[in-house]
Amino acid sequence: MPTLVAGNPPPDAFSHLEGQSHSTSPVFAAWRGLDLSPSLDSGPMLMRREQNRTDQRARIVEAARRLFARDGVDEVTMAQVGAEAGVARATVFNHFGSKHALVEAITEDVIAYYDGMLRNALADTVTPTTTLVRALFETMGAGIEEDRRFYRGVFREIAKVRLGLDEGGVGQRAGAAAIELLVKLLARGQQRGELSRAYRAEDLASAFDSLVNGTITHWLYGDAAEPLRERMGRAAEVFLGEVAVGPAVGRRPLPTLAPRRARRRRSRHAGDEPGGPPCTRPPMIPSIRS
């Protein structure tokens, strides 16, 4: 009998398997060293793995939010973020290559929420643009006022991302998309005759941004005795005082522009306040500069 070498069967070695595919024949598979045992369905497993990764990433971001708000961005290490999130330091780096990447992820989350507000405003084709502008100022002020500790801790870092110091980054791209929505909203107001056409919609958006950013900055790092939403209300009137068209009318009730947002998962770790639950409030946009 000739010596057979695995992987090189003679031409007639499987002649008795006529009609069967050598690639799926158990005999041929054994000869080639292949494993044709039924494999587990990888679809559900991959979905669960991806969901676990998504949940893990969200826990890391929430842990970073809490620590940044409590200690400041500069004082927090990636190891501390991992411990707060209940994962290893290496896992944090697996999701985010640097602390800056974490700040950018938080910024993207903030901008996404603001993006939802603008889309809701654009979807409202009945409410006057002046009222929608007031609602934007008021809603932003309310959100930041309720989460002051977080924004005081990270606002400067978020501003760096938003001002384009990381040109081409995720935060900057998301901000550019948001500013486009604001320009559309203001341009629609001009087309309706509700806002002055003496200025380009892009210039109005820039003025809106400056007022929002400046008002929030002074409140976060200056005297916060007065509610931010009241300051934002006055800022809205400063903006509209120059561009609103038509006779002054009584203040209308402000529409709800805040998009619905799933409540954040409770954590075993401390929340925004000592001994309290983690923050379940939606993030608000601190700046929309492109």
Foldseek 3Di string as FASTA:
>chain_A
DDDDDQPDDPPCPCVVVPPDDLVPDPVSCVSNVHDPDDDDDCVVVVVVVVVVLVVLVVLLLLLQLQCLLVPALVVDDLQSSQVSSVHGSVSSCVVPVDSLSSLLVVLLQQLVQLLQLLVLLVVPPDDALLLSLLLLLLVQLVQCLVVLSSCLRCVVSSVCVCVQVVPPDPNVVSLVVSLVSQLVSVVVNVVVVFWDPPDRSSVLSVLSQVLLQVLVVCCSPHPVPDRSSVSSNVSSCVSCVVIGDDDDDDRDDHDDRGDDDDFDDWDPDAANDVVDTHDRGRRHNRGSHD
